Amino acid sequence: MARRGRVELRRIEDRTSRQVRFSKRRAGLFKKAFELSLLCDAEVALLVFSPAGKLYEYASSSIEGTYDRYQQFAVPGRNLIQEDATVCNVKQFRSLFINAYLAACVIMEPVGV
């Protein structure tokens, strides 16, 4: 079976296809967050806002407690996660957040929201 190679990431123009892709990607992201918390005993909190503004959330423990822990490390104007060579910044935090203790942080926010 041939590999597809590198796929160009761009906005999906068809609204129905975009919604289906969002739902599938969201489910996959939540599954990975659960697996990370289970396999590595990591504290994980994940927030995703849909293009329609609906909130989806996952937390391995209390999301409020995890956010409070994050606040202890946050310094205004400083991006903790950028120091670990990942893609994240404080302004994008409202879309999705995985605890600062983790080595990976992925932001998935549909373009044009």
PDB file of N, CA and C in Angstrom:
ATOM      1  N   MET A   1       0.829  -1.172   0.000  1.00  0.00           N
ATOM      2  CA  MET A   1       0.000   0.000   0.000  1.00  0.00           C
ATOM      3  C   MET A   1       0.881   1.245   0.000  1.00  0.00           C
ATOM      4  N   ALA A   2       0.634   2.132  -0.924  1.00  0.00           N
ATOM      5  CA  ALA A   2       1.453   3.334  -1.075  1.00  0.00           C
ATOM      6  C   ALA A   2       1.086   4.377  -0.032  1.00  0.00           C
ATOM      7  N   ARG A   3       2.084   5.083   0.430  1.00  0.00           N
ATOM      8  CA  ARG A   3       1.843   6.176   1.369  1.00  0.00           C
ATOM      9  C   ARG A   3       1.466   7.426   0.593  1.00  0.00           C
ATOM     10  N   ARG A   4       0.685   8.264   1.229  1.00  0.00           N
ATOM     11  CA  ARG A   4       0.243   9.488   0.570  1.00  0.00           C
ATOM     12  C   ARG A   4       1.301  10.571   0.580  1.00  0.00           C
ATOM     13  N   GLY A   5       2.296  10.459   1.426  1.00  0.00           N
ATOM     14  CA  GLY A   5       3.308  11.498   1.516  1.00  0.00           C
ATOM     15  C   GLY A   5       2.803  12.671   2.329  1.00  0.00           C
ATOM     16  N   ARG A   6       3.449  13.791   2.152  1.00  0.00           N
ATOM     17  CA  ARG A   6       3.086  14.993   2.899  1.00  0.00           C
ATOM     18  C   ARG A   6       1.794  15.576   2.339  1.00  0.00           C
ATOM     19  N   VAL A   7       0.871  15.876   3.230  1.00  0.00           N
ATOM     20  CA  VAL A   7      -0.417  16.436   2.845  1.00  0.00           C
ATOM     21  C   VAL A   7      -0.415  17.925   3.183  1.00  0.00           C
ATOM     22  N   GLU A   8      -0.836  18.743   2.243  1.00  0.00           N
ATOM     23  CA  GLU A   8      -0.906  20.180   2.473  1.00  0.00           C
ATOM     24  C   GLU A   8      -2.102  20.487   3.372  1.00  0.00           C
ATOM     25  N   LEU A   9      -1.855  21.190   4.461  1.00  0.00           N
ATOM     26  CA  LEU A   9      -2.930  21.563   5.369  1.00  0.00           C
ATOM     27  C   LEU A   9      -3.498  22.904   4.927  1.00  0.00           C
ATOM     28  N   ARG A  10      -4.761  22.925   4.639  1.00  0.00           N
ATOM     29  CA  ARG A  10      -5.442  24.144   4.263  1.00  0.00           C
ATOM     30  C   ARG A  10      -6.899  24.040   4.677  1.00  0.00           C
ATOM     31  N   ARG A  11      -7.577  25.158   4.693  1.00  0.00           N
ATOM     32  CA  ARG A  11      -8.977  25.205   5.100  1.00  0.00           C
ATOM     33  C   ARG A  11      -9.833  24.393   4.132  1.00  0.00           C
ATOM     34  N   ILE A  12     -10.764  23.628   4.683  1.00  0.00           N
ATOM     35  CA  ILE A  12     -11.696  22.847   3.870  1.00  0.00           C
ATOM     36  C   ILE A  12     -12.849  23.772   3.502  1.00  0.00           C
ATOM     37  N   GLU A  13     -13.059  23.979   2.218  1.00  0.00           N
ATOM     38  CA  GLU A  13     -14.055  24.941   1.756  1.00  0.00           C
ATOM     39  C   GLU A  13     -15.489  24.436   1.921  1.00  0.00           C
ATOM     40  N   ASP A  14     -15.731  23.152   1.649  1.00  0.00           N
ATOM     41  CA  ASP A  14     -17.085  22.603   1.760  1.00  0.00           C
ATOM     42  C   ASP A  14     -17.479  22.516   3.231  1.00  0.00           C
ATOM     43  N   ARG A  15     -18.585  23.187   3.579  1.00  0.00           N
ATOM     44  CA  ARG A  15     -19.000  23.284   4.976  1.00  0.00           C
ATOM     45  C   ARG A  15     -19.297  21.918   5.600  1.00  0.00           C
ATOM     46  N   THR A  16     -19.987  21.042   4.872  1.00  0.00           N
ATOM     47  CA  THR A  16     -20.322  19.716   5.407  1.00  0.00           C
ATOM     48  C   THR A  16     -19.063  18.888   5.634  1.00  0.00           C
ATOM     49  N   SER A  17     -18.171  18.901   4.658  1.00  0.00           N
ATOM     50  CA  SER A  17     -16.913  18.156   4.793  1.00  0.00           C
ATOM     51  C   SER A  17     -16.084  18.695   5.957  1.00  0.00           C
ATOM     52  N   ARG A  18     -16.092  20.008   6.113  1.00  0.00           N
ATOM     53  CA  ARG A  18     -15.334  20.628   7.199  1.00  0.00           C
ATOM     54  C   ARG A  18     -15.888  20.193   8.554  1.00  0.00           C
ATOM     55  N   GLN A  19     -17.221  20.133   8.690  1.00  0.00           N
ATOM     56  CA  GLN A  19     -17.836  19.720   9.955  1.00  0.00           C
ATOM     57  C   GLN A  19     -17.540  18.254  10.261  1.00  0.00           C
ATOM     58  N   VAL A  20     -17.610  17.403   9.222  1.00  0.00           N
ATOM     59  CA  VAL A  20     -17.306  15.979   9.413  1.00  0.00           C
ATOM     60  C   VAL A  20     -15.855  15.812   9.843  1.00  0.00           C
ATOM     61  N   ARG A  21     -14.945  16.534   9.177  1.00  0.00           N
ATOM     62  CA  ARG A  21     -13.520  16.442   9.520  1.00  0.00           C
ATOM     63  C   ARG A  21     -13.275  16.951  10.928  1.00  0.00           C
ATOM     64  N   PHE A  22     -13.928  18.046  11.302  1.00  0.00           N
ATOM     65  CA  PHE A  22     -13.787  18.584  12.658  1.00  0.00           C
ATOM     66  C   PHE A  22     -14.202  17.534  13.692  1.00  0.00           C
ATOM     67  N   SER A  23     -15.340  16.891  13.467  1.00  0.00           N
ATOM     68  CA  SER A  23     -15.840  15.892  14.417  1.00  0.00           C
ATOM     69  C   SER A  23     -14.888  14.718  14.553  1.00  0.00           C
ATOM     70  N   LYS A  24     -14.369  14.245  13.424  1.00  0.00           N
ATOM     71  CA  LYS A  24     -13.436  13.109  13.465  1.00  0.00           C
ATOM     72  C   LYS A  24     -12.122  13.492  14.117  1.00  0.00           C
ATOM     73  N   ARG A  25     -11.592  14.663  13.769  1.00  0.00           N
ATOM     74  CA  ARG A  25     -10.335  15.111  14.362  1.00  0.00           C
ATOM     75  C   ARG A  25     -10.485  15.367  15.851  1.00  0.00           C
ATOM     76  N   ARG A  26     -11.620  15.945  16.238  1.00  0.00           N
ATOM     77  CA  ARG A  26     -11.876  16.202  17.653  1.00  0.00           C
ATOM     78  C   ARG A  26     -11.901  14.891  18.425  1.00  0.00           C
ATOM     79  N   ALA A  27     -12.591  13.887  17.887  1.00  0.00           N
ATOM     80  CA  ALA A  27     -12.658  12.582  18.552  1.00  0.00           C
ATOM     81  C   ALA A  27     -11.265  11.979  18.694  1.00  0.00           C
ATOM     82  N   GLY A  28     -10.459  12.086  17.644  1.00  0.00           N
ATOM     83  CA  GLY A  28      -9.092  11.559  17.691  1.00  0.00           C
ATOM     84  C   GLY A  28      -8.232  12.285  18.699  1.00  0.00           C
ATOM     85  N   LEU A  29      -8.391  13.600  18.776  1.00  0.00           N
ATOM     86  CA  LEU A  29      -7.624  14.401  19.724  1.00  0.00           C
ATOM     87  C   LEU A  29      -7.985  14.044  21.161  1.00  0.00           C
ATOM     88  N   PHE A  30      -9.274  13.870  21.421  1.00  0.00           N
ATOM     89  CA  PHE A  30      -9.712  13.490  22.767  1.00  0.00           C
ATOM     90  C   PHE A  30      -9.232  12.088  23.125  1.00  0.00           C
ATOM     91  N   LYS A  31      -9.212  11.199  22.155  1.00  0.00           N
ATOM     92  CA  LYS A  31      -8.710   9.842  22.402  1.00  0.00           C
ATOM     93  C   LYS A  31      -7.231   9.894  22.770  1.00  0.00           C
ATOM     94  N   LYS A  32      -6.451  10.702  22.036  1.00  0.00           N
ATOM     95  CA  LYS A  32      -5.013  10.835  22.329  1.00  0.00           C
ATOM     96  C   LYS A  32      -4.795  11.461  23.708  1.00  0.00           C
ATOM     97  N   ALA A  33      -5.599  12.439  24.067  1.00  0.00           N
ATOM     98  CA  ALA A  33      -5.472  13.055  25.395  1.00  0.00           C
ATOM     99  C   ALA A  33      -5.738  12.029  26.488  1.00  0.00           C
ATOM    100  N   PHE A  34      -6.771  11.196  26.292  1.00  0.00           N
ATOM    101  CA  PHE A  34      -7.079  10.142  27.260  1.00  0.00           C
ATOM    102  C   PHE A  34      -5.927   9.150  27.355  1.00  0.00           C
ATOM    103  N   GLU A  35      -5.400   8.722  26.198  1.00  0.00           N
ATOM    104  CA  GLU A  35      -4.302   7.760  26.183  1.00  0.00           C
ATOM    105  C   GLU A  35      -3.064   8.318  26.875  1.00  0.00           C
ATOM    106  N   LEU A  36      -2.756   9.591  26.624  1.00  0.00           N
ATOM    107  CA  LEU A  36      -1.601  10.223  27.255  1.00  0.00           C
ATOM    108  C   LEU A  36      -1.750  10.245  28.773  1.00  0.00           C
ATOM    109  N   SER A  37      -2.932  10.567  29.242  1.00  0.00           N
ATOM    110  CA  SER A  37      -3.143  10.607  30.689  1.00  0.00           C
ATOM    111  C   SER A  37      -3.084   9.212  31.304  1.00  0.00           C
ATOM    112  N   LEU A  38      -3.616   8.220  30.597  1.00  0.00           N
ATOM    113  CA  LEU A  38      -3.637   6.859  31.116  1.00  0.00           C
ATOM    114  C   LEU A  38      -2.255   6.205  31.074  1.00  0.00           C
ATOM    115  N   LEU A  39      -1.586   6.272  29.933  1.00  0.00           N
ATOM    116  CA  LEU A  39      -0.309   5.583  29.756  1.00  0.00           C
ATOM    117  C   LEU A  39       0.840   6.244  30.500  1.00  0.00           C
ATOM    118  N   CYS A  40       0.835   7.571  30.557  1.00  0.00           N
ATOM    119  CA  CYS A  40       1.966   8.296  31.129  1.00  0.00           C
ATOM    120  C   CYS A  40       1.658   8.909  32.485  1.00  0.00           C
ATOM    121  N   ASP A  41       0.467   8.673  32.995  1.00  0.00           N
ATOM    122  CA  ASP A  41       0.045   9.225  34.276  1.00  0.00           C
ATOM    123  C   ASP A  41       0.205  10.744  34.292  1.00  0.00           C
ATOM    124  N   ALA A  42      -0.122  11.376  33.153  1.00  0.00           N
ATOM    125  CA  ALA A  42      -0.016  12.825  33.022  1.00  0.00           C
ATOM    126  C   ALA A  42      -1.358  13.464  33.350  1.00  0.00           C
ATOM    127  N   GLU A  43      -1.292  14.654  33.887  1.00  0.00           N
ATOM    128  CA  GLU A  43      -2.517  15.418  34.135  1.00  0.00           C
ATOM    129  C   GLU A  43      -2.818  16.197  32.861  1.00  0.00           C
ATOM    130  N   VAL A  44      -3.952  15.919  32.243  1.00  0.00           N
ATOM    131  CA  VAL A  44      -4.287  16.502  30.949  1.00  0.00           C
ATOM    132  C   VAL A  44      -5.623  17.224  31.028  1.00  0.00           C
ATOM    133  N   ALA A  45      -5.677  18.421  30.466  1.00  0.00           N
ATOM    134  CA  ALA A  45      -6.930  19.149  30.313  1.00  0.00           C
ATOM    135  C   ALA A  45      -6.983  19.639  28.877  1.00  0.00           C
ATOM    136  N   LEU A  46      -8.123  19.470  28.243  1.00  0.00           N
ATOM    137  CA  LEU A  46      -8.267  19.796  26.826  1.00  0.00           C
ATOM    138  C   LEU A  46      -9.575  20.529  26.609  1.00  0.00           C
ATOM    139  N   LEU A  47      -9.498  21.703  25.984  1.00  0.00           N
ATOM    140  CA  LEU A  47     -10.680  22.496  25.646  1.00  0.00           C
ATOM    141  C   LEU A  47     -10.697  22.720  24.152  1.00  0.00           C
ATOM    142  N   VAL A  48     -11.849  22.493  23.521  1.00  0.00           N
ATOM    143  CA  VAL A  48     -11.992  22.743  22.090  1.00  0.00           C
ATOM    144  C   VAL A  48     -13.305  23.480  21.884  1.00  0.00           C
ATOM    145  N   PHE A  49     -13.252  24.583  21.156  1.00  0.00           N
ATOM    146  CA  PHE A  49     -14.455  25.304  20.775  1.00  0.00           C
ATOM    147  C   PHE A  49     -14.723  25.018  19.309  1.00  0.00           C
ATOM    148  N   SER A  50     -15.923  24.570  18.993  1.00  0.00           N
ATOM    149  CA  SER A  50     -16.293  24.282  17.609  1.00  0.00           C
ATOM    150  C   SER A  50     -16.454  25.593  16.845  1.00  0.00           C
ATOM    151  N   PRO A  51     -16.511  25.513  15.514  1.00  0.00           N
ATOM    152  CA  PRO A  51     -16.750  26.728  14.733  1.00  0.00           C
ATOM    153  C   PRO A  51     -18.061  27.413  15.120  1.00  0.00           C
ATOM    154  N   ALA A  52     -19.023  26.644  15.609  1.00  0.00           N
ATOM    155  CA  ALA A  52     -20.309  27.212  16.046  1.00  0.00           C
ATOM    156  C   ALA A  52     -20.238  27.757  17.467  1.00  0.00           C
ATOM    157  N   GLY A  53     -19.111  27.574  18.141  1.00  0.00           N
ATOM    158  CA  GLY A  53     -18.937  28.090  19.488  1.00  0.00           C
ATOM    159  C   GLY A  53     -19.263  27.110  20.594  1.00  0.00           C
ATOM    160  N   LYS A  54     -19.558  25.852  20.256  1.00  0.00           N
ATOM    161  CA  LYS A  54     -19.858  24.849  21.274  1.00  0.00           C
ATOM    162  C   LYS A  54     -18.561  24.388  21.942  1.00  0.00           C
ATOM    163  N   LEU A  55     -18.620  24.227  23.257  1.00  0.00           N
ATOM    164  CA  LEU A  55     -17.456  23.820  24.033  1.00  0.00           C
ATOM    165  C   LEU A  55     -17.415  22.311  24.200  1.00  0.00           C
ATOM    166  N   TYR A  56     -16.245  21.720  23.947  1.00  0.00           N
ATOM    167  CA  TYR A  56     -15.976  20.310  24.224  1.00  0.00           C
ATOM    168  C   TYR A  56     -14.772  20.298  25.153  1.00  0.00           C
ATOM    169  N   GLU A  57     -14.846  19.476  26.196  1.00  0.00           N
ATOM    170  CA  GLU A  57     -13.739  19.457  27.137  1.00  0.00           C
ATOM    171  C   GLU A  57     -13.452  18.046  27.641  1.00  0.00           C
ATOM    172  N   TYR A  58     -12.191  17.837  27.993  1.00  0.00           N
ATOM    173  CA  TYR A  58     -11.755  16.584  28.604  1.00  0.00           C
ATOM    174  C   TYR A  58     -10.755  16.954  29.691  1.00  0.00           C
ATOM    175  N   ALA A  59     -10.822  16.279  30.801  1.00  0.00           N
ATOM    176  CA  ALA A  59      -9.839  16.474  31.863  1.00  0.00           C
ATOM    177  C   ALA A  59      -9.603  15.146  32.553  1.00  0.00           C
ATOM    178  N   SER A  60      -8.336  14.820  32.778  1.00  0.00           N
ATOM    179  CA  SER A  60      -8.010  13.583  33.474  1.00  0.00           C
ATOM    180  C   SER A  60      -8.302  13.717  34.963  1.00  0.00           C
ATOM    181  N   SER A  61      -8.334  14.944  35.450  1.00  0.00           N
ATOM    182  CA  SER A  61      -8.754  15.234  36.818  1.00  0.00           C
ATOM    183  C   SER A  61      -9.617  16.488  36.713  1.00  0.00           C
ATOM    184  N   SER A  62      -9.666  17.289  37.732  1.00  0.00           N
ATOM    185  CA  SER A  62     -10.466  18.509  37.697  1.00  0.00           C
ATOM    186  C   SER A  62      -9.868  19.521  36.727  1.00  0.00           C
ATOM    187  N   ILE A  63     -10.664  19.986  35.774  1.00  0.00           N
ATOM    188  CA  ILE A  63     -10.159  20.967  34.816  1.00  0.00           C
ATOM    189  C   ILE A  63      -9.830  22.285  35.522  1.00  0.00           C
ATOM    190  N   GLU A  64     -10.599  22.626  36.547  1.00  0.00           N
ATOM    191  CA  GLU A  64     -10.319  23.834  37.310  1.00  0.00           C
ATOM    192  C   GLU A  64      -8.996  23.710  38.062  1.00  0.00           C
ATOM    193  N   GLY A  65      -8.764  22.544  38.657  1.00  0.00           N
ATOM    194  CA  GLY A  65      -7.506  22.315  39.361  1.00  0.00           C
ATOM    195  C   GLY A  65      -6.306  22.368  38.432  1.00  0.00           C
ATOM    196  N   THR A  66      -6.457  21.794  37.254  1.00  0.00           N
ATOM    197  CA  THR A  66      -5.366  21.820  36.277  1.00  0.00           C
ATOM    198  C   THR A  66      -5.109  23.244  35.819  1.00  0.00           C
ATOM    199  N   TYR A  67      -6.174  24.001  35.572  1.00  0.00           N
ATOM    200  CA  TYR A  67      -6.019  25.396  35.161  1.00  0.00           C
ATOM    201  C   TYR A  67      -5.342  26.213  36.255  1.00  0.00           C
ATOM    202  N   ASP A  68      -5.707  25.962  37.508  1.00  0.00           N
ATOM    203  CA  ASP A  68      -5.068  26.666  38.628  1.00  0.00           C
ATOM    204  C   ASP A  68      -3.575  26.358  38.665  1.00  0.00           C
ATOM    205  N   ARG A  69      -3.209  25.098  38.417  1.00  0.00           N
ATOM    206  CA  ARG A  69      -1.785  24.734  38.372  1.00  0.00           C
ATOM    207  C   ARG A  69      -1.083  25.445  37.226  1.00  0.00           C
ATOM    208  N   TYR A  70      -1.761  25.540  36.082  1.00  0.00           N
ATOM    209  CA  TYR A  70      -1.198  26.244  34.935  1.00  0.00           C
ATOM    210  C   TYR A  70      -0.958  27.716  35.279  1.00  0.00           C
ATOM    211  N   GLN A  71      -1.912  28.330  35.967  1.00  0.00           N
ATOM    212  CA  GLN A  71      -1.806  29.743  36.342  1.00  0.00           C
ATOM    213  C   GLN A  71      -0.589  30.005  37.219  1.00  0.00           C
ATOM    214  N   GLN A  72      -0.214  29.037  38.049  1.00  0.00           N
ATOM    215  CA  GLN A  72       0.954  29.200  38.912  1.00  0.00           C
ATOM    216  C   GLN A  72       2.233  29.357  38.103  1.00  0.00           C
ATOM    217  N   PHE A  73       2.280  28.749  36.916  1.00  0.00           N
ATOM    218  CA  PHE A  73       3.481  28.795  36.093  1.00  0.00           C
ATOM    219  C   PHE A  73       3.445  29.905  35.055  1.00  0.00           C
ATOM    220  N   ALA A  74       2.269  30.431  34.779  1.00  0.00           N
ATOM    221  CA  ALA A  74       2.117  31.433  33.737  1.00  0.00           C
ATOM    222  C   ALA A  74       2.652  32.783  34.202  1.00  0.00           C
ATOM    223  N   VAL A  75       3.411  33.417  33.321  1.00  0.00           N
ATOM    224  CA  VAL A  75       3.918  34.751  33.565  1.00  0.00           C
ATOM    225  C   VAL A  75       3.396  35.613  32.416  1.00  0.00           C
ATOM    226  N   PRO A  76       2.800  36.769  32.703  1.00  0.00           N
ATOM    227  CA  PRO A  76       2.258  37.608  31.626  1.00  0.00           C
ATOM    228  C   PRO A  76       3.301  37.903  30.547  1.00  0.00           C
ATOM    229  N   GLY A  77       2.926  37.698  29.289  1.00  0.00           N
ATOM    230  CA  GLY A  77       3.821  37.973  28.171  1.00  0.00           C
ATOM    231  C   GLY A  77       4.830  36.886  27.885  1.00  0.00           C
ATOM    232  N   ARG A  78       4.841  35.833  28.670  1.00  0.00           N
ATOM    233  CA  ARG A  78       5.805  34.746  28.482  1.00  0.00           C
ATOM    234  C   ARG A  78       5.070  33.506  28.036  1.00  0.00           C
ATOM    235  N   ASN A  79       5.610  32.827  27.066  1.00  0.00           N
ATOM    236  CA  ASN A  79       5.006  31.614  26.538  1.00  0.00           C
ATOM    237  C   ASN A  79       5.813  30.421  27.018  1.00  0.00           C
ATOM    238  N   LEU A  80       5.324  29.740  28.039  1.00  0.00           N
ATOM    239  CA  LEU A  80       6.038  28.603  28.614  1.00  0.00           C
ATOM    240  C   LEU A  80       6.275  27.499  27.602  1.00  0.00           C
ATOM    241  N   ILE A  81       5.278  27.211  26.811  1.00  0.00           N
ATOM    242  CA  ILE A  81       5.350  26.059  25.933  1.00  0.00           C
ATOM    243  C   ILE A  81       6.292  26.312  24.760  1.00  0.00           C
ATOM    244  N   GLN A  82       6.440  27.546  24.327  1.00  0.00           N
ATOM    245  CA  GLN A  82       7.324  27.868  23.219  1.00  0.00           C
ATOM    246  C   GLN A  82       8.769  27.498  23.555  1.00  0.00           C
ATOM    247  N   GLU A  83       9.112  27.571  24.817  1.00  0.00           N
ATOM    248  CA  GLU A  83      10.455  27.206  25.237  1.00  0.00           C
ATOM    249  C   GLU A  83      10.747  25.737  24.977  1.00  0.00           C
ATOM    250  N   ASP A  84       9.718  24.900  24.903  1.00  0.00           N
ATOM    251  CA  ASP A  84       9.884  23.487  24.612  1.00  0.00           C
ATOM    252  C   ASP A  84       9.795  23.200  23.121  1.00  0.00           C
ATOM    253  N   ALA A  85       9.897  24.246  22.281  1.00  0.00           N
ATOM    254  CA  ALA A  85       9.865  24.126  20.821  1.00  0.00           C
ATOM    255  C   ALA A  85       8.584  23.473  20.321  1.00  0.00           C
ATOM    256  N   THR A  86       7.458  23.850  20.905  1.00  0.00           N
ATOM    257  CA  THR A  86       6.166  23.385  20.429  1.00  0.00           C
ATOM    258  C   THR A  86       5.370  24.575  19.941  1.00  0.00           C
ATOM    259  N   VAL A  87       4.193  24.322  19.390  1.00  0.00           N
ATOM    260  CA  VAL A  87       3.381  25.390  18.833  1.00  0.00           C
ATOM    261  C   VAL A  87       2.221  25.687  19.773  1.00  0.00           C
ATOM    262  N   CYS A  88       2.288  26.829  20.432  1.00  0.00           N
ATOM    263  CA  CYS A  88       1.223  27.225  21.344  1.00  0.00           C
ATOM    264  C   CYS A  88       1.489  28.651  21.772  1.00  0.00           C
ATOM    265  N   ASN A  89       0.478  29.407  22.049  1.00  0.00           N
ATOM    266  CA  ASN A  89       0.679  30.691  22.695  1.00  0.00           C
ATOM    267  C   ASN A  89      -0.520  31.011  23.564  1.00  0.00           C
ATOM    268  N   VAL A  90      -0.355  31.984  24.415  1.00  0.00           N
ATOM    269  CA  VAL A  90      -1.354  32.273  25.433  1.00  0.00           C
ATOM    270  C   VAL A  90      -2.689  32.700  24.805  1.00  0.00           C
ATOM    271  N   LYS A  91      -2.661  33.466  23.709  1.00  0.00           N
ATOM    272  CA  LYS A  91      -3.901  33.920  23.083  1.00  0.00           C
ATOM    273  C   LYS A  91      -4.691  32.760  22.495  1.00  0.00           C
ATOM    274  N   GLN A  92      -4.013  31.722  22.015  1.00  0.00           N
ATOM    275  CA  GLN A  92      -4.701  30.563  21.456  1.00  0.00           C
ATOM    276  C   GLN A  92      -5.182  29.612  22.548  1.00  0.00           C
ATOM    277  N   PHE A  93      -4.830  29.900  23.776  1.00  0.00           N
ATOM    278  CA  PHE A  93      -5.156  29.027  24.891  1.00  0.00           C
ATOM    279  C   PHE A  93      -6.654  28.763  25.020  1.00  0.00           C
ATOM    280  N   ARG A  94      -7.494  29.734  24.663  1.00  0.00           N
ATOM    281  CA  ARG A  94      -8.940  29.561  24.799  1.00  0.00           C
ATOM    282  C   ARG A  94      -9.452  28.434  23.919  1.00  0.00           C
ATOM    283  N   SER A  95      -8.768  28.114  22.819  1.00  0.00           N
ATOM    284  CA  SER A  95      -9.216  27.067  21.912  1.00  0.00           C
ATOM    285  C   SER A  95      -8.908  25.678  22.457  1.00  0.00           C
ATOM    286  N   LEU A  96      -7.764  25.536  23.019  1.00  0.00           N
ATOM    287  CA  LEU A  96      -7.368  24.214  23.475  1.00  0.00           C
ATOM    288  C   LEU A  96      -6.198  24.361  24.426  1.00  0.00           C
ATOM    289  N   PHE A  97      -6.180  23.554  25.479  1.00  0.00           N
ATOM    290  CA  PHE A  97      -5.036  23.639  26.370  1.00  0.00           C
ATOM    291  C   PHE A  97      -4.732  22.283  26.937  1.00  0.00           C
ATOM    292  N   ILE A  98      -3.495  21.921  26.831  1.00  0.00           N
ATOM    293  CA  ILE A  98      -2.988  20.704  27.441  1.00  0.00           C
ATOM    294  C   ILE A  98      -1.951  21.165  28.455  1.00  0.00           C
ATOM    295  N   ASN A  99      -2.030  20.656  29.647  1.00  0.00           N
ATOM    296  CA  ASN A  99      -1.218  21.104  30.772  1.00  0.00           C
ATOM    297  C   ASN A  99       0.231  21.400  30.388  1.00  0.00           C
ATOM    298  N   ALA A 100       0.797  22.457  30.977  1.00  0.00           N
ATOM    299  CA  ALA A 100       2.150  22.897  30.661  1.00  0.00           C
ATOM    300  C   ALA A 100       3.209  21.864  31.018  1.00  0.00           C
ATOM    301  N   TYR A 101       2.856  20.882  31.844  1.00  0.00           N
ATOM    302  CA  TYR A 101       3.810  19.836  32.174  1.00  0.00           C
ATOM    303  C   TYR A 101       4.088  18.915  31.001  1.00  0.00           C
ATOM    304  N   LEU A 102       3.186  18.884  30.050  1.00  0.00           N
ATOM    305  CA  LEU A 102       3.341  17.965  28.930  1.00  0.00           C
ATOM    306  C   LEU A 102       4.352  18.499  27.926  1.00  0.00           C
ATOM    307  N   ALA A 103       4.974  17.615  27.210  1.00  0.00           N
ATOM    308  CA  ALA A 103       5.973  18.013  26.220  1.00  0.00           C
ATOM    309  C   ALA A 103       5.335  18.420  24.905  1.00  0.00           C
ATOM    310  N   ALA A 104       4.056  18.128  24.711  1.00  0.00           N
ATOM    311  CA  ALA A 104       3.410  18.438  23.442  1.00  0.00           C
ATOM    312  C   ALA A 104       2.195  19.318  23.676  1.00  0.00           C
ATOM    313  N   CYS A 105       1.995  20.249  22.771  1.00  0.00           N
ATOM    314  CA  CYS A 105       0.807  21.097  22.804  1.00  0.00           C
ATOM    315  C   CYS A 105       0.402  21.346  21.365  1.00  0.00           C
ATOM    316  N   VAL A 106      -0.809  20.971  21.005  1.00  0.00           N
ATOM    317  CA  VAL A 106      -1.264  21.093  19.635  1.00  0.00           C
ATOM    318  C   VAL A 106      -2.491  21.995  19.619  1.00  0.00           C
ATOM    319  N   ILE A 107      -2.449  22.997  18.794  1.00  0.00           N
ATOM    320  CA  ILE A 107      -3.592  23.888  18.657  1.00  0.00           C
ATOM    321  C   ILE A 107      -4.304  23.560  17.355  1.00  0.00           C
ATOM    322  N   MET A 108      -5.580  23.241  17.453  1.00  0.00           N
ATOM    323  CA  MET A 108      -6.396  22.966  16.278  1.00  0.00           C
ATOM    324  C   MET A 108      -7.587  23.896  16.308  1.00  0.00           C
ATOM    325  N   GLU A 109      -7.488  25.009  15.629  1.00  0.00           N
ATOM    326  CA  GLU A 109      -8.580  25.950  15.575  1.00  0.00           C
ATOM    327  C   GLU A 109      -8.910  26.169  14.118  1.00  0.00           C
ATOM    328  N   PRO A 110     -10.148  25.876  13.700  1.00  0.00           N
ATOM    329  CA  PRO A 110     -10.514  26.057  12.307  1.00  0.00           C
ATOM    330  C   PRO A 110     -10.262  27.494  11.845  1.00  0.00           C
ATOM    331  N   VAL A 111      -9.732  27.643  10.639  1.00  0.00           N
ATOM    332  CA  VAL A 111      -9.437  28.953  10.075  1.00  0.00           C
ATOM    333  C   VAL A 111     -10.754  29.663   9.774  1.00  0.00           C
ATOM    334  N   GLY A 112     -10.816  30.931  10.025  1.00  0.00           N
ATOM    335  CA  GLY A 112     -11.989  31.717   9.689  1.00  0.00           C
ATOM    336  C   GLY A 112     -13.047  31.735  10.762  1.00  0.00           C
ATOM    337  N   VAL A 113     -12.698  31.292  11.975  1.00  0.00           N
ATOM    338  CA  VAL A 113     -13.679  31.289  13.063  1.00  0.00           C
ATOM    339  C   VAL A 113     -13.810  32.686  13.592  1.00  0.00           C
TER     340      VAL A 113
END
